[in-house]
Protein backbone atom coordinates (compact mmCIF):
# COMPACT_ATOMS: atom_id res chain seq x y z
CA UNK A 1 0.01 0.05 0.08
CA UNK A 2 1.43 3.42 -1.09
CA UNK A 3 0.38 6.38 0.71
CA UNK A 4 0.33 9.91 -1.18
CA UNK A 5 0.27 13.27 0.02
CA UNK A 6 -0.62 15.88 -2.60
CA UNK A 7 0.45 19.48 -2.06
CA UNK A 8 -0.80 22.66 -4.01
CA UNK A 9 0.04 26.39 -3.67
CA UNK A 10 -2.69 26.92 -1.06
CA UNK A 11 -1.63 24.36 1.42
CA UNK A 12 1.98 25.34 0.92
CA UNK A 13 1.63 29.11 1.09
CA UNK A 14 -0.79 28.95 4.31
CA UNK A 15 1.45 26.46 5.82
CA UNK A 16 -1.50 23.97 6.08
CA UNK A 17 -0.26 20.44 7.07
CA UNK A 18 -3.59 18.86 6.80
CA UNK A 19 -2.92 16.86 3.56
CA UNK A 20 0.13 15.23 5.50
CA UNK A 21 -1.45 15.00 8.80
CA UNK A 22 -4.52 13.31 7.34
CA UNK A 23 -2.46 10.53 5.88
CA UNK A 24 0.07 10.26 8.57
CA UNK A 25 -2.35 10.23 11.38
CA UNK A 26 -4.55 7.45 9.54
CA UNK A 27 -1.45 5.45 9.32
CA UNK A 28 -0.88 5.99 13.13
CA UNK A 29 -4.52 5.32 14.10
CA UNK A 30 -4.54 1.90 12.12
CA UNK A 31 -1.32 0.82 13.90
CA UNK A 32 0.15 0.23 10.33
CA UNK A 33 3.54 2.09 10.98
CA UNK A 34 5.71 -0.79 10.36
CA UNK A 35 3.83 -2.00 7.36
CA UNK A 36 4.03 1.57 5.77
CA UNK A 37 7.76 1.71 6.15
CA UNK A 38 9.15 3.37 2.71
CA UNK A 39 5.63 3.79 1.35
CA UNK A 40 5.00 7.34 1.50
CA UNK A 41 5.44 9.79 -1.57
CA UNK A 42 4.39 13.49 -2.25
CA UNK A 43 2.76 14.80 -5.33
CA UNK A 44 3.25 18.28 -6.11
CA UNK A 45 0.42 20.42 -7.72
CA UNK A 46 2.43 23.43 -7.07
CA UNK A 47 2.55 26.04 -9.91
CA UNK A 48 5.46 28.33 -10.10
CA UNK A 49 5.40 31.72 -11.70
CA UNK A 50 5.98 31.48 -15.44
CA UNK A 51 9.79 31.64 -16.15
CA UNK A 52 10.65 30.59 -12.48
CA UNK A 53 13.81 28.26 -13.10
CA UNK A 54 14.08 27.17 -9.22
CA UNK A 55 13.64 23.59 -8.18
CA UNK A 56 11.02 23.18 -5.53
CA UNK A 57 13.54 22.68 -2.91
CA UNK A 58 14.75 26.27 -3.73
CA UNK A 59 11.44 28.08 -3.09
CA UNK A 60 11.29 29.29 0.47
CA UNK A 61 7.69 28.71 0.89
CA UNK A 62 7.82 25.21 0.11
CA UNK A 63 10.99 24.38 2.27
CA UNK A 64 9.20 26.36 5.19
CA UNK A 65 6.06 23.88 4.75
CA UNK A 66 8.63 20.95 5.19
CA UNK A 67 10.25 22.41 8.09
CA UNK A 68 6.98 22.76 9.70
CA UNK A 69 6.12 19.20 8.83
CA UNK A 70 9.52 17.82 10.08
CA UNK A 71 9.02 19.54 13.45
CA UNK A 72 5.79 17.66 13.79
CA UNK A 73 6.88 14.29 12.74
CA UNK A 74 10.82 14.21 12.86
CA UNK A 75 10.70 10.41 12.25
CA UNK A 76 8.80 10.88 8.98
CA UNK A 77 12.02 9.50 6.91
CA UNK A 78 10.83 6.21 8.06
CA UNK A 79 7.72 6.31 6.11
CA UNK A 80 9.13 7.99 2.92
CA UNK A 81 9.82 6.08 -0.18
CA UNK A 82 13.65 5.91 -0.27
CA UNK A 83 13.76 3.88 -3.45
CA UNK A 84 11.86 6.78 -5.41
CA UNK A 85 14.07 9.34 -4.03
CA UNK A 86 11.48 10.92 -1.51
CA UNK A 87 14.13 10.78 1.31
CA UNK A 88 16.66 12.76 -0.86
CA UNK A 89 14.02 15.20 -1.82
CA UNK A 90 13.07 15.55 1.73
CA UNK A 91 16.42 16.10 2.69
CA UNK A 92 16.85 18.80 0.17
CA UNK A 93 13.87 20.60 1.67
CA UNK A 94 15.46 20.73 4.88
CA UNK A 95 19.20 21.19 4.31
CA UNK A 96 20.92 23.99 2.47
CA UNK A 97 22.30 23.08 -0.96
CA UNK A 98 23.04 24.05 -4.53
CA UNK A 99 22.46 22.51 -7.89
CA UNK A 100 25.34 21.93 -10.14
CA UNK A 101 24.86 20.95 -13.80
CA UNK A 102 27.79 18.43 -13.49
CA UNK A 103 27.31 17.04 -9.83
CA UNK A 104 23.54 17.44 -9.33
CA UNK A 105 22.64 18.47 -5.86
CA UNK A 106 25.36 19.40 -3.88
CA UNK A 107 24.58 19.92 0.21
CA UNK A 108 26.26 22.22 2.45
CA UNK A 109 28.39 19.29 4.02
CA UNK A 110 28.42 20.75 7.56
CA UNK A 111 24.54 20.96 7.48
CA UNK A 112 24.19 17.58 5.91
CA UNK A 113 26.11 16.18 8.67
CA UNK A 114 23.99 18.03 11.53
CA UNK A 115 21.03 16.81 9.61
CA UNK A 116 22.01 13.14 9.32
CA UNK A 117 23.17 13.15 13.01
CA UNK A 118 19.85 14.55 14.12
CA UNK A 119 17.71 11.91 12.01
CA UNK A 120 20.05 9.09 13.12
CA UNK A 121 19.20 10.03 16.99
CA UNK A 122 15.66 10.73 16.19
CA UNK A 123 14.81 7.62 14.31
CA UNK A 124 16.95 5.43 16.81
CA UNK A 125 14.89 6.51 19.56
CA UNK A 126 11.54 6.47 17.87
CA UNK A 127 12.18 2.95 16.02
CA UNK A 128 13.18 1.53 19.55
CA UNK A 129 10.21 2.87 20.91
CA UNK A 130 8.23 1.09 18.08
CA UNK A 131 10.23 -2.18 18.67
CA UNK A 132 11.65 -1.94 15.17
CA UNK A 133 15.30 -2.86 14.54
CA UNK A 134 16.97 0.33 13.95
CA UNK A 135 20.62 -0.22 13.01
CA UNK A 136 20.12 -1.58 9.41
CA UNK A 137 17.83 1.32 8.78
CA UNK A 138 20.08 3.97 10.10
CA UNK A 139 23.07 2.45 8.25
CA UNK A 140 20.93 2.75 4.98
CA UNK A 141 20.08 6.19 5.63
CA UNK A 142 23.45 7.17 6.13
CA UNK A 143 24.60 5.55 3.05
CA UNK A 144 22.04 7.17 1.08
CA UNK A 145 23.43 10.56 2.09
CA UNK A 146 27.11 9.39 1.41
CA UNK A 147 28.13 8.64 4.99
CA UNK A 148 29.16 5.43 6.88
CA UNK A 149 28.22 5.03 10.39
CA UNK A 150 30.44 2.81 12.67
CA UNK A 151 28.83 0.28 14.76
CA UNK A 152 30.27 2.07 17.64
CA UNK A 153 27.79 4.82 17.25
CA UNK A 154 24.86 2.66 18.24
CA UNK A 155 26.79 1.63 21.49
CA UNK A 156 25.20 4.69 23.15
CA UNK A 157 21.79 3.26 22.56
CA UNK A 158 22.76 0.05 24.38
CA UNK A 159 23.27 1.66 27.59
């Protein structure tokens, strides 16, 4: 089962999270969190001004909407469809970056590292509360962002 959140200009410009909260709260209410791992995607029905060359992750209103969403559901990367690029797009909404015609997206390295550490702590704690194994998931998340986490990192969670 794929879950879809559709975003338009109105909800983004008014910082209305209801398209996301309806979907996410429904998953939580049904107790389907584990079965919805990596099944969530966003569809954008967001119209830019004619001639606006920016990517969605470069539009301040869109980024602010995602910052607000992340503050409500900091564990949301667990649900995002990583194979379809949703986690990378989500990261771009939250981490400063630039686009290069040669290299593609280039994150601010320090900001990306802080983001990864934050999400690693949040997800490790949250997955532990859900009784879902976290080590392989956190390792995979780090690899998507170009990092390797040493197993020693997880020792702090065993105490």
